[in-house]
Amino acid sequence: MNDVDRRTLIGRGAAVAGAAVAATAVAPALLAAPAAAAPAARTPRAAGATIGPDDARYPLLTTGNNQRFVARPDYIKMITSAADAEAALEQAFKDRKRISVRSGGHCFADFAAHADTEVLLDFSPMTAVGYDERMRAFTVEPGARLLNVYETLYKGWGVAVPGGICYSVGAGGHVSGGGYGLLSRAHGLVSDHLYAVEVVVIDAQGKARTLVATREQDDPHRELWWAHTGGGGGNFGLITRFFFRSPGARGTEPADQLIKPPSTVLVSALDLPWEELNETRFTRLLKNWGAWHEEHSAPASPYRHLSSLFNVSAKAHGSLGMFTQVDAGVENAEGLLDAFLAAVLAGTGLKPRALARPNGELPAMPGLHTPRRMPWLQATRLVGTDNPTITNPTSRGAHKSGYMRKNFTDHQVAALYKHMTRADFHNPDTMLVLFSFGGQVNALAPDATANAQRSSAFKMCFQTFWSEQKDDDFYLGWARGLYEDFFARTGGVPVLDERTDGCYINYPDRDVADPERNTSGVPWQKLYYKDNYPRLQQVKKRYDPTDFFRHSLSVELPRR
């Protein structure tokens, strides 16, 4: 899962089709770059379908990956191009219809599917991935799923973006919310490689226009680019295309414009049985994992090429699961992996087993109890394409996040143990997912992009999945109880202090905006965006002056 980015902000979509776009080359540009060339024109596409309540497709398209949230729009408009988006946006504005936006993957909250939706704009038909020679950048449309992005970029040019694990996450929300994955400790966030974004915006008179905003210092729309490097989707306009070029890229060869993933990786997948755990061993295990990440979170750490995903699953599941990947091409890759595993298991007395069945974010990987080398894309497919818990399109879910700057406290581990071992809790599809963070993610200043969390050691996602609406109160109560107990010292949320660093917008949680649940006195905007929020508001004021794009945690217009 990594990210709504791991997550996109949005519902369901189609598979990706690769499409290279040819134009004239541009000269090398980056630190002292000239103004960006205009992107190459695309072949006109037919307008997308309009789907009303009587259409057989309507029930499918009114909800997303989290079945807690269902919309009842007057119609759903499938978007196929920027021109199609402009026309749909102007019509909704003219009709005074409340819109929501979906790009095609996952959404934890009600951003796309909510009760006030009158027109749902669905970008899942826009799945192309290619290369624009004029922009000297790779193009990704918002409905593209992550695995298809990886396949097209790597097979076509040998490049990648450091995106999330889960194959079915859509690019639209994943990128605009920051986006990260197993390559992020070595290469930063996905949004750190965003060169430009094509966005359809609408003015106060209801006139839509398509803008291309780049990171070039002299671009008059640079702030609009900046807002899409972690400011979240559904806030400023309709994203119709991303352009990726890594900072520092030189020359005109496409293969030199983005990062190159490892040719091969060394991977390990372990099952840690609950039957061998008591509270003492559990505490030692969690603190070992947290201490290692706190020690090795610096940008230049020799361990920046190693990332771990640790599913601390509820006792009802029967075991915990841990997946670790290290670039097999770096010096002493085997030694780095061995040292990491030894540090995590030290003093626990645990005897890891093969990961023979799915565990939370991880599919079954029974052949990796002993570390194994494999091609990077093969490992990406292995860990990301067979996960019935995360990709189940019929489930309901609760999700909460937190960035950790330092190791767990005694109270936090005790709270986690208490709630994960509750005698009345029998749901195996429940977990705290711990993600390696830091490394090159921490190389940028907090205001270099809209994603302000640049000093964390690891990231957390508290989540549980269930199937029946009648069980909502029980599972939401459990998730809230754990989260608020875990952060009891700071008012039930991860405040901005020496230990924690707020929340991740691609794991949106409406509870942090509820003063009955968040008693810290720190507003939700600060938790997600820190000191970048006022700047995001100014972007909102300029490009969405009527607050036409809004959802339950959207960027608000400044009060003056």
Protein backbone atom coordinates (compact mmCIF):
# COMPACT_ATOMS: atom_id res chain seq x y z
CA MET A 1 0.00 0.00 0.00
CA ASN A 2 1.74 3.10 -0.53
CA ASP A 3 -0.79 5.69 -0.78
CA VAL A 4 -5.85 9.19 -1.98
CA ASP A 5 -1.39 7.34 -2.38
CA ARG A 6 -0.82 5.06 -1.38
CA ARG A 7 -4.00 6.30 -2.34
CA THR A 8 -5.83 8.18 -4.92
CA LEU A 9 -8.70 10.39 -3.88
CA ILE A 10 -10.93 8.45 -6.11
CA GLY A 11 -13.02 5.32 -7.07
CA ARG A 12 -12.62 2.80 -9.88
CA GLY A 13 -11.04 2.82 -13.29
CA ALA A 14 -9.66 1.06 -16.29
CA ALA A 15 -6.29 -0.40 -17.20
CA VAL A 16 -3.59 1.78 -18.69
CA ALA A 17 -2.70 2.09 -22.34
CA GLY A 18 0.78 3.31 -23.21
CA ALA A 19 0.94 6.18 -25.66
CA ALA A 20 4.14 8.01 -26.58
CA VAL A 21 3.69 11.56 -27.81
CA ALA A 22 6.19 12.93 -30.33
CA ALA A 23 7.15 16.57 -30.79
CA THR A 24 10.34 18.61 -31.05
CA ALA A 25 13.05 18.20 -28.45
CA VAL A 26 13.89 20.95 -26.00
CA ALA A 27 17.26 21.92 -24.62
CA PRO A 28 18.40 20.63 -21.21
CA ALA A 29 16.72 22.50 -18.40
CA LEU A 30 16.50 22.33 -14.67
CA LEU A 31 18.20 24.48 -12.11
CA ALA A 32 18.61 27.46 -14.44
CA ALA A 33 15.95 26.32 -16.86
CA PRO A 34 14.28 28.33 -19.59
CA ALA A 35 10.51 28.53 -19.67
CA ALA A 36 8.91 25.20 -20.43
CA ALA A 37 7.85 24.41 -23.98
CA ALA A 38 4.19 23.90 -24.66
CA PRO A 39 3.19 20.24 -24.33
CA ALA A 40 2.49 18.35 -27.51
CA ALA A 41 -1.12 18.30 -28.63
CA ARG A 42 -3.06 15.08 -28.20
CA THR A 43 -5.24 13.36 -30.73
CA PRO A 44 -8.84 14.51 -30.15
CA ARG A 45 -11.00 12.01 -28.31
CA ALA A 46 -14.73 11.54 -28.33
CA ALA A 47 -16.52 12.93 -25.30
CA GLY A 48 -17.13 10.47 -22.50
CA ALA A 49 -20.49 8.94 -21.65
CA THR A 50 -23.05 10.56 -19.39
CA ILE A 51 -24.49 7.94 -17.05
CA GLY A 52 -27.76 8.52 -15.21
CA PRO A 53 -29.64 6.55 -12.54
CA ASP A 54 -31.38 4.38 -15.15
CA ASP A 55 -28.08 3.20 -16.66
CA ALA A 56 -26.96 -0.29 -15.68
CA ARG A 57 -23.50 1.09 -14.82
CA TYR A 58 -24.80 3.62 -12.33
CA PRO A 59 -24.63 1.46 -9.12
CA LEU A 60 -21.02 0.55 -9.85
CA LEU A 61 -19.96 4.14 -10.40
CA THR A 62 -21.63 5.75 -7.38
CA THR A 63 -19.18 4.29 -4.89
CA GLY A 64 -15.49 3.56 -4.66
CA ASN A 65 -13.18 1.17 -2.87
CA ASN A 66 -14.65 1.98 0.56
CA GLN A 67 -18.30 0.93 0.56
CA ARG A 68 -19.07 3.15 3.56
CA PHE A 69 -19.45 6.03 1.12
CA VAL A 70 -22.06 6.11 -1.66
CA ALA A 71 -23.13 9.07 -3.81
CA ARG A 72 -26.47 9.60 -5.55
CA PRO A 73 -25.55 12.06 -8.29
CA ASP A 74 -27.92 13.31 -10.95
CA TYR A 75 -25.43 11.86 -13.40
CA ILE A 76 -21.87 10.62 -13.76
CA LYS A 77 -19.78 12.14 -16.54
CA MET A 78 -16.94 10.00 -17.82
CA ILE A 79 -14.09 12.35 -18.82
CA THR A 80 -11.82 11.51 -21.76
CA SER A 81 -9.79 14.69 -22.35
CA ALA A 82 -9.07 18.21 -21.16
CA ALA A 83 -11.63 19.55 -23.65
CA ASP A 84 -14.21 17.12 -22.29
CA ALA A 85 -13.35 18.23 -18.75
CA GLU A 86 -13.75 21.90 -19.66
CA ALA A 87 -17.20 21.34 -21.15
CA ALA A 88 -18.38 19.19 -18.24
CA LEU A 89 -17.11 21.70 -15.70
CA GLU A 90 -18.76 24.67 -17.37
CA GLN A 91 -22.06 22.81 -17.63
CA ALA A 92 -22.03 21.86 -13.95
CA PHE A 93 -21.16 25.43 -12.97
CA LYS A 94 -23.94 26.83 -15.18
CA ASP A 95 -26.44 24.39 -13.64
CA ARG A 96 -25.17 25.15 -10.12
CA LYS A 97 -24.48 21.48 -9.52
CA ARG A 98 -22.21 20.30 -6.71
CA ILE A 99 -19.43 18.20 -8.23
CA SER A 100 -17.09 15.55 -6.98
CA VAL A 101 -14.03 14.18 -8.77
CA ARG A 102 -12.74 10.64 -9.15
CA SER A 103 -9.57 9.50 -10.89
CA GLY A 104 -9.85 5.76 -10.77
CA GLY A 105 -8.30 3.96 -7.80
CA HIS A 106 -8.86 3.99 -4.04
CA CYS A 107 -10.42 6.48 -1.69
CA PHE A 108 -10.46 6.11 2.09
CA ALA A 109 -12.89 8.95 2.79
CA ASP A 110 -15.96 10.53 1.15
CA PHE A 111 -14.13 12.91 -1.19
CA ALA A 112 -15.58 11.40 -4.37
CA ALA A 113 -18.68 9.63 -3.13
CA HIS A 114 -20.62 11.86 -0.74
CA ALA A 115 -24.26 12.70 -0.13
CA ASP A 116 -24.08 16.22 -1.63
CA THR A 117 -22.72 15.07 -5.00
CA GLU A 118 -24.91 16.11 -7.91
CA VAL A 119 -22.41 15.54 -10.71
CA LEU A 120 -19.58 13.02 -10.42
CA LEU A 121 -16.72 13.62 -12.85
CA ASP A 122 -14.94 10.32 -13.45
CA PHE A 123 -11.47 10.33 -15.03
CA SER A 124 -10.94 6.58 -15.11
CA PRO A 125 -11.06 6.49 -18.96
CA MET A 126 -7.91 8.66 -19.06
CA THR A 127 -5.18 6.05 -18.66
CA ALA A 128 -2.44 6.94 -21.15
CA VAL A 129 1.25 6.86 -20.22
CA GLY A 130 3.83 8.22 -22.64
CA TYR A 131 6.63 10.68 -23.33
CA ASP A 132 6.39 14.29 -24.49
CA GLU A 133 9.55 15.38 -26.33
CA ARG A 134 8.69 19.08 -26.17
CA MET A 135 8.32 19.00 -22.41
CA ARG A 136 11.16 16.48 -22.06
CA ALA A 137 8.94 14.67 -19.59
CA PHE A 138 6.91 11.51 -19.19
CA THR A 139 3.15 11.92 -19.23
CA VAL A 140 0.67 10.09 -17.04
CA GLU A 141 -3.07 10.64 -17.16
CA PRO A 142 -5.03 10.68 -13.88
CA GLY A 143 -6.93 7.43 -14.39
CA ALA A 144 -3.80 5.33 -14.88
CA ARG A 145 -3.29 2.59 -12.30
CA LEU A 146 0.10 2.39 -10.64
CA LEU A 147 1.15 -1.03 -11.90
CA ASN A 148 0.37 -0.02 -15.46
CA VAL A 149 2.39 3.16 -14.98
CA TYR A 150 5.35 1.10 -13.76
CA GLU A 151 5.02 -1.45 -16.58
CA THR A 152 4.84 1.19 -19.32
CA LEU A 153 7.66 3.38 -18.00
CA TYR A 154 10.02 0.50 -17.26
CA LYS A 155 9.43 -1.62 -20.35
CA GLY A 156 9.46 1.39 -22.64
CA TRP A 157 12.35 3.41 -21.23
CA GLY A 158 13.85 1.64 -18.18
CA VAL A 159 12.63 4.36 -15.79
CA ALA A 160 10.20 4.61 -12.87
CA VAL A 161 8.56 6.84 -10.32
CA PRO A 162 8.94 5.92 -6.61
CA GLY A 163 5.25 5.13 -6.17
CA GLY A 164 3.13 2.87 -4.02
CA ILE A 165 2.85 -0.88 -3.75
CA CYS A 166 -0.83 -1.56 -4.43
CA TYR A 167 -1.36 -2.08 -8.16
CA SER A 168 -4.85 -0.56 -8.38
CA VAL A 169 -4.14 2.85 -6.87
CA GLY A 170 -4.97 5.61 -9.37
CA ALA A 171 -2.41 8.23 -10.33
CA GLY A 172 -4.68 11.26 -9.87
CA GLY A 173 -4.88 11.30 -6.09
CA HIS A 174 -1.68 9.38 -5.44
CA VAL A 175 0.55 11.95 -7.11
CA SER A 176 -1.28 15.10 -5.98
CA GLY A 177 -1.24 13.92 -2.36
CA GLY A 178 2.51 13.27 -2.38
CA GLY A 179 2.77 9.57 -3.20
CA TYR A 180 5.45 7.24 -1.86
CA GLY A 181 6.57 3.61 -1.95
CA LEU A 182 9.44 1.19 -1.53
CA LEU A 183 11.78 3.33 -3.66
CA SER A 184 11.09 6.56 -1.77
CA ARG A 185 13.89 6.23 0.79
CA ALA A 186 16.29 6.15 -2.15
CA HIS A 187 14.53 8.64 -4.45
CA GLY A 188 12.00 10.73 -2.52
CA LEU A 189 8.27 11.08 -3.06
CA VAL A 190 6.51 10.64 -6.40
CA SER A 191 5.63 14.34 -6.34
CA ASP A 192 9.33 15.22 -5.97
CA HIS A 193 9.67 14.14 -9.62
CA LEU A 194 6.62 16.05 -10.87
CA TYR A 195 7.78 18.57 -13.48
CA ALA A 196 4.38 19.89 -14.54
CA VAL A 197 0.66 19.34 -14.21
CA GLU A 198 -2.14 20.05 -16.67
CA VAL A 199 -5.21 21.31 -14.81
CA VAL A 200 -8.66 22.52 -15.88
CA VAL A 201 -9.71 25.41 -13.64
CA ILE A 202 -12.82 27.59 -13.60
CA ASP A 203 -13.16 31.29 -12.83
CA ALA A 204 -15.85 33.22 -10.98
CA GLN A 205 -17.84 33.71 -14.20
CA GLY A 206 -17.95 29.99 -14.95
CA LYS A 207 -15.35 30.01 -17.73
CA ALA A 208 -13.10 26.94 -17.75
CA ARG A 209 -9.57 26.91 -19.12
CA THR A 210 -6.76 24.37 -19.27
CA LEU A 211 -3.43 25.41 -17.76
CA VAL A 212 -0.04 23.71 -17.72
CA ALA A 213 1.85 24.66 -14.56
CA THR A 214 5.55 23.76 -14.25
CA ARG A 215 8.21 23.97 -11.57
CA GLU A 216 10.20 26.49 -13.60
CA GLN A 217 10.94 29.53 -11.43
CA ASP A 218 9.60 31.97 -14.03
CA ASP A 219 6.37 30.07 -14.71
CA PRO A 220 3.44 32.37 -13.84
CA HIS A 221 1.50 29.30 -12.71
CA ARG A 222 4.29 27.77 -10.63
CA GLU A 223 2.22 27.97 -7.45
CA LEU A 224 -0.42 25.77 -9.07
CA TRP A 225 2.30 23.19 -9.78
CA TRP A 226 3.50 23.48 -6.18
CA ALA A 227 -0.01 22.88 -4.82
CA HIS A 228 -0.14 19.54 -6.66
CA THR A 229 3.06 18.26 -5.01
CA GLY A 230 1.26 17.14 -1.87
CA GLY A 231 -1.71 19.49 -1.56
CA GLY A 232 -4.18 16.73 -2.36
CA GLY A 233 -6.58 16.15 -5.21
CA GLY A 234 -10.01 17.67 -5.66
CA ASN A 235 -8.92 21.06 -4.33
CA PHE A 236 -7.98 23.37 -7.20
CA GLY A 237 -9.21 21.97 -10.50
CA LEU A 238 -9.43 18.90 -12.70
CA ILE A 239 -6.08 17.19 -13.28
CA THR A 240 -5.87 15.89 -16.84
CA ARG A 241 -2.16 15.09 -17.17
CA PHE A 242 1.00 14.83 -15.08
CA PHE A 243 4.48 15.43 -16.51
CA PHE A 244 7.41 13.72 -14.78
CA ARG A 245 11.05 14.70 -14.99
CA SER A 246 13.43 14.18 -12.09
CA PRO A 247 15.29 17.17 -10.63
CA GLY A 248 18.78 17.22 -12.02
CA ALA A 249 17.85 15.43 -15.25
CA ARG A 250 20.03 16.41 -18.21
CA GLY A 251 20.17 15.93 -21.96
CA THR A 252 17.29 14.98 -24.22
CA GLU A 253 17.26 11.19 -24.05
CA PRO A 254 13.99 10.00 -22.48
CA ALA A 255 15.79 7.35 -20.43
CA ASP A 256 17.78 10.12 -18.70
CA GLN A 257 14.75 12.13 -17.53
CA LEU A 258 13.53 9.93 -14.66
CA ILE A 259 15.05 7.73 -11.99
CA LYS A 260 16.11 4.22 -12.88
CA PRO A 261 14.84 1.56 -10.48
CA PRO A 262 17.12 -1.27 -9.40
CA SER A 263 17.70 -3.94 -12.02
CA THR A 264 17.27 -6.53 -9.29
CA VAL A 265 16.22 -6.40 -5.66
CA LEU A 266 16.82 -8.64 -2.68
CA VAL A 267 13.54 -9.37 -0.95
CA SER A 268 12.43 -11.02 2.28
CA ALA A 269 8.92 -11.89 3.49
CA LEU A 270 8.47 -13.14 7.07
CA ASP A 271 5.56 -14.39 9.15
CA LEU A 272 5.85 -13.72 12.91
CA PRO A 273 3.27 -15.86 14.74
CA TRP A 274 1.18 -14.38 17.53
CA GLU A 275 1.48 -17.69 19.39
CA GLU A 276 5.10 -16.79 20.10
CA LEU A 277 4.29 -13.28 21.31
CA ASN A 278 3.52 -11.94 24.75
CA GLU A 279 3.48 -8.26 25.65
CA THR A 280 7.19 -8.19 26.48
CA ARG A 281 8.21 -9.73 23.16
CA PHE A 282 5.72 -7.60 21.27
CA THR A 283 7.13 -4.46 22.86
CA ARG A 284 10.70 -5.42 22.07
CA LEU A 285 9.81 -6.21 18.44
CA LEU A 286 8.00 -2.91 17.83
CA LYS A 287 10.64 -0.85 19.57
CA ASN A 288 13.40 -2.60 17.62
CA TRP A 289 11.70 -1.70 14.34
CA GLY A 290 11.10 1.90 15.41
CA ALA A 291 14.62 2.38 16.79
CA TRP A 292 16.21 1.13 13.58
CA HIS A 293 14.21 3.60 11.50
CA GLU A 294 14.90 6.49 13.85
CA GLU A 295 18.63 5.76 13.59
CA HIS A 296 18.66 5.40 9.79
CA SER A 297 16.28 8.14 8.61
CA ALA A 298 18.90 10.62 7.35
CA PRO A 299 18.98 11.39 3.61
CA ALA A 300 22.48 9.97 3.13
CA SER A 301 22.02 6.87 5.27
CA PRO A 302 23.69 3.81 3.72
CA TYR A 303 20.38 2.06 4.42
CA ARG A 304 18.36 4.44 2.22
CA HIS A 305 18.14 1.69 -0.42
CA LEU A 306 16.32 -0.58 2.04
CA SER A 307 12.59 -0.30 2.81
CA SER A 308 10.28 -2.36 4.96
CA LEU A 309 6.52 -2.76 5.20
CA PHE A 310 5.51 -4.23 8.56
CA ASN A 311 1.93 -5.40 9.08
CA VAL A 312 1.26 -5.41 12.80
CA SER A 313 -1.91 -7.43 12.42
CA ALA A 314 -4.48 -8.05 15.13
CA LYS A 315 -4.12 -11.23 17.14
CA ALA A 316 -7.27 -12.47 15.39
CA HIS A 317 -5.20 -12.85 12.22
CA GLY A 318 -2.71 -15.17 13.89
CA SER A 319 0.55 -13.51 12.85
CA LEU A 320 2.37 -10.34 11.90
CA GLY A 321 3.89 -9.98 8.43
CA MET A 322 6.99 -8.11 7.29
CA PHE A 323 8.24 -7.50 3.75
CA THR A 324 11.66 -5.97 3.15
CA GLN A 325 13.32 -4.93 -0.10
CA VAL A 326 16.83 -3.69 -0.77
CA ASP A 327 18.48 -2.67 -4.03
CA ALA A 328 20.58 -5.74 -4.91
CA GLY A 329 23.04 -3.57 -6.83
CA VAL A 330 24.27 -1.53 -3.87
CA GLU A 331 27.42 -2.51 -2.04
CA ASN A 332 26.89 -5.25 0.56
CA ALA A 333 23.14 -5.57 -0.11
CA GLU A 334 22.99 -8.94 1.66
CA GLY A 335 24.78 -7.52 4.67
CA LEU A 336 22.39 -4.57 4.88
CA LEU A 337 19.36 -6.85 4.80
CA ASP A 338 20.85 -9.29 7.32
CA ALA A 339 21.73 -6.47 9.71
CA PHE A 340 18.24 -4.99 9.45
CA LEU A 341 16.49 -8.30 10.13
CA ALA A 342 18.86 -9.05 13.02
CA ALA A 343 18.18 -5.64 14.56
CA VAL A 344 14.41 -6.03 14.32
CA LEU A 345 14.39 -9.53 15.81
CA ALA A 346 17.05 -8.95 18.46
CA GLY A 347 16.04 -10.13 21.92
CA THR A 348 12.57 -11.28 20.87
CA GLY A 349 13.20 -15.00 20.69
CA LEU A 350 10.91 -15.16 17.64
CA LYS A 351 11.41 -17.80 14.96
CA PRO A 352 10.14 -16.29 11.70
CA ARG A 353 8.22 -18.52 9.31
CA ALA A 354 7.39 -18.33 5.62
CA LEU A 355 4.61 -15.88 4.77
CA ALA A 356 2.29 -18.65 3.59
CA ARG A 357 -0.97 -16.67 3.60
CA PRO A 358 -1.95 -13.03 3.01
CA ASN A 359 -1.32 -10.65 5.87
CA GLY A 360 -2.92 -7.22 5.77
CA GLU A 361 -1.18 -5.22 3.07
CA LEU A 362 0.83 -8.23 1.93
CA PRO A 363 -0.09 -11.19 -0.26
CA ALA A 364 1.16 -14.67 0.48
CA MET A 365 4.85 -14.97 -0.46
CA PRO A 366 5.84 -18.41 0.82
CA GLY A 367 9.11 -18.63 -1.11
CA LEU A 368 10.77 -15.64 0.51
CA HIS A 369 11.49 -16.86 4.04
CA THR A 370 15.06 -17.02 2.80
CA PRO A 371 15.95 -13.76 1.01
CA ARG A 372 15.84 -14.01 -2.75
CA ARG A 373 17.03 -11.88 -5.68
CA MET A 374 14.58 -11.06 -8.46
CA PRO A 375 14.03 -8.38 -11.10
CA TRP A 376 12.58 -5.16 -9.65
CA LEU A 377 9.41 -5.22 -11.73
CA GLN A 378 8.83 -8.87 -10.87
CA ALA A 379 9.05 -8.03 -7.16
CA THR A 380 6.72 -5.09 -7.70
CA ARG A 381 4.14 -7.37 -9.30
CA LEU A 382 4.59 -9.99 -6.60
CA VAL A 383 3.92 -7.71 -3.66
CA GLY A 384 1.30 -5.55 -5.32
CA THR A 385 -1.06 -7.68 -7.40
CA ASP A 386 -2.50 -10.33 -5.10
CA ASN A 387 -3.87 -8.66 -1.99
CA PRO A 388 -7.48 -9.61 -1.26
CA THR A 389 -7.73 -7.44 1.87
CA ILE A 390 -6.73 -4.09 0.42
CA THR A 391 -8.22 -4.51 -3.05
CA ASN A 392 -11.54 -6.08 -2.05
CA PRO A 393 -14.09 -3.81 -3.80
CA THR A 394 -16.93 -4.86 -1.50
CA SER A 395 -15.39 -3.96 1.85
CA ARG A 396 -15.96 -1.11 4.26
CA GLY A 397 -13.00 0.43 6.04
CA ALA A 398 -11.65 2.80 8.67
CA HIS A 399 -8.23 4.37 8.13
CA LYS A 400 -6.07 6.70 10.23
CA SER A 401 -2.52 7.91 9.76
CA GLY A 402 0.49 9.33 11.54
CA TYR A 403 4.09 10.34 10.84
CA MET A 404 6.64 9.32 13.49
CA ARG A 405 9.87 11.25 14.01
CA LYS A 406 11.04 9.07 16.89
CA ASN A 407 10.51 5.57 18.20
CA PHE A 408 7.32 4.42 19.92
CA THR A 409 6.79 5.33 23.56
CA ASP A 410 6.00 2.64 26.13
CA HIS A 411 2.42 3.88 26.27
CA GLN A 412 1.98 3.67 22.49
CA VAL A 413 3.15 0.07 22.31
CA ALA A 414 1.01 -0.86 25.32
CA ALA A 415 -2.05 0.75 23.70
CA LEU A 416 -1.42 -1.11 20.48
CA TYR A 417 -1.02 -4.44 22.27
CA LYS A 418 -4.18 -3.88 24.32
CA HIS A 419 -6.40 -3.11 21.35
CA MET A 420 -4.90 -5.71 19.01
CA THR A 421 -5.47 -8.49 21.58
CA ARG A 422 -8.94 -7.52 22.78
CA ALA A 423 -10.91 -10.67 23.63
CA ASP A 424 -14.03 -9.42 21.82
CA PHE A 425 -12.22 -8.49 18.62
CA HIS A 426 -12.23 -11.27 16.01
CA ASN A 427 -11.54 -9.47 12.73
CA PRO A 428 -8.38 -10.78 11.01
CA ASP A 429 -8.41 -7.97 8.44
CA THR A 430 -7.12 -5.41 10.92
CA MET A 431 -3.63 -3.97 11.16
CA LEU A 432 -1.27 -1.13 11.91
CA VAL A 433 0.87 -0.85 8.80
CA LEU A 434 4.34 0.57 9.37
CA PHE A 435 6.16 1.98 6.34
CA SER A 436 9.83 2.85 6.12
CA PHE A 437 10.20 6.58 5.58
CA GLY A 438 13.02 9.09 5.74
CA GLY A 439 16.08 8.79 3.54
CA GLN A 440 15.76 11.01 0.47
CA VAL A 441 12.21 11.97 1.50
CA ASN A 442 13.91 14.00 4.22
CA ALA A 443 16.33 15.68 1.82
CA LEU A 444 13.94 18.54 0.91
CA ALA A 445 12.80 21.51 2.96
CA PRO A 446 9.21 21.38 4.26
CA ASP A 447 8.13 24.16 1.90
CA ALA A 448 9.94 22.88 -1.21
CA THR A 449 6.75 21.00 -2.07
CA ALA A 450 3.27 21.09 -0.60
CA ASN A 451 4.08 17.87 1.26
CA ALA A 452 5.57 19.31 4.44
CA GLN A 453 6.50 16.15 6.39
CA ARG A 454 10.23 16.00 5.70
CA SER A 455 11.73 14.83 8.98
CA SER A 456 9.98 11.53 9.72
CA ALA A 457 11.47 8.10 10.32
CA PHE A 458 8.39 6.06 9.48
CA LYS A 459 4.73 6.41 8.59
CA MET A 460 1.74 4.56 10.01
CA CYS A 461 -1.69 3.54 8.77
CA PHE A 462 -4.18 2.20 11.31
CA GLN A 463 -6.90 0.31 9.48
CA THR A 464 -9.62 -2.31 9.68
CA PHE A 465 -11.95 -3.75 7.02
CA TRP A 466 -15.39 -5.31 7.36
CA SER A 467 -18.34 -6.15 5.11
CA GLU A 468 -21.64 -5.25 6.77
CA GLN A 469 -23.10 -1.81 7.47
CA LYS A 470 -24.57 -3.06 10.72
CA ASP A 471 -21.02 -3.45 12.07
CA ASP A 472 -19.95 0.13 11.33
CA ASP A 473 -20.29 1.40 14.90
CA PHE A 474 -18.29 -1.47 16.35
CA TYR A 475 -15.35 -1.20 13.97
CA LEU A 476 -15.29 2.58 13.86
CA GLY A 477 -15.37 2.55 17.64
CA TRP A 478 -12.47 0.11 17.78
CA ALA A 479 -10.37 2.16 15.33
CA ARG A 480 -11.09 5.42 17.16
CA GLY A 481 -10.36 3.82 20.50
CA LEU A 482 -6.96 2.56 19.41
CA TYR A 483 -5.94 5.79 17.65
CA GLU A 484 -7.01 8.10 20.46
CA ASP A 485 -5.39 5.86 23.07
CA PHE A 486 -2.19 5.64 21.03
CA PHE A 487 -2.00 9.45 20.87
CA ALA A 488 -3.56 10.11 24.27
CA ARG A 489 -0.65 12.33 25.35
CA THR A 490 -1.39 14.77 22.52
CA GLY A 491 -5.17 14.95 22.38
CA GLY A 492 -5.86 11.87 20.27
CA VAL A 493 -3.90 12.91 17.18
CA PRO A 494 -0.22 13.03 16.07
CA VAL A 495 0.50 16.71 16.74
CA LEU A 496 3.54 18.52 15.38
CA ASP A 497 6.21 18.00 18.01
CA GLU A 498 9.53 16.26 18.54
CA ARG A 499 7.95 12.79 18.29
CA THR A 500 5.16 13.03 15.71
CA ASP A 501 4.57 15.08 12.58
CA GLY A 502 0.90 15.08 11.70
CA CYS A 503 -1.13 13.09 9.18
CA TYR A 504 -0.98 12.04 5.52
CA ILE A 505 -3.63 13.56 3.23
CA ASN A 506 -3.74 10.45 1.04
CA TYR A 507 -5.03 8.57 4.10
CA PRO A 508 -7.81 11.07 4.83
CA ASP A 509 -9.70 10.80 8.11
CA ARG A 510 -12.63 13.11 8.83
CA ASP A 511 -12.31 12.43 12.57
CA VAL A 512 -9.30 14.73 12.87
CA ALA A 513 -11.61 17.63 11.93
CA ASP A 514 -14.04 16.71 14.73
CA PRO A 515 -13.20 18.54 18.00
CA GLU A 516 -14.83 15.72 19.95
CA ARG A 517 -12.27 13.29 18.52
CA ASN A 518 -9.32 15.66 18.10
CA THR A 519 -8.99 17.38 21.46
CA SER A 520 -5.43 18.64 20.84
CA GLY A 521 -6.46 22.13 19.79
CA VAL A 522 -4.43 21.65 16.60
CA PRO A 523 -6.68 22.12 13.54
CA TRP A 524 -6.85 19.37 10.94
CA GLN A 525 -5.33 21.67 8.32
CA LYS A 526 -2.17 21.95 10.41
CA LEU A 527 -1.98 18.19 10.91
CA TYR A 528 -2.05 17.52 7.17
CA TYR A 529 -0.26 20.56 5.73
CA LYS A 530 1.66 22.18 8.60
CA ASP A 531 2.85 25.68 7.72
CA ASN A 532 2.10 25.16 4.03
CA TYR A 533 -1.64 25.55 4.49
CA PRO A 534 -1.88 29.37 4.12
CA ARG A 535 0.06 29.13 0.87
CA LEU A 536 -2.34 26.46 -0.40
CA GLN A 537 -5.21 28.77 0.47
CA GLN A 538 -3.73 31.50 -1.71
CA VAL A 539 -3.53 29.03 -4.62
CA LYS A 540 -7.15 28.16 -3.94
CA LYS A 541 -8.13 31.83 -4.01
CA ARG A 542 -6.43 32.40 -7.35
CA TYR A 543 -7.53 29.28 -9.23
CA ASP A 544 -10.83 28.34 -7.56
CA PRO A 545 -12.26 31.68 -6.39
CA THR A 546 -15.81 30.33 -5.87
CA ASP A 547 -14.74 27.23 -3.90
CA PHE A 548 -16.30 25.06 -6.58
CA PHE A 549 -13.94 22.18 -5.79
CA ARG A 550 -14.62 21.03 -2.26
CA HIS A 551 -15.02 17.95 -0.11
CA SER A 552 -14.94 17.12 3.59
CA LEU A 553 -11.22 17.95 4.01
CA SER A 554 -10.67 20.33 1.11
CA VAL A 555 -8.44 23.38 1.17
CA GLU A 556 -10.58 26.37 2.13
CA LEU A 557 -10.56 29.88 0.74
CA PRO A 558 -8.71 32.35 2.96
CA ARG A 559 -11.00 34.46 5.10
CA ARG A 560 -9.57 37.63 3.60
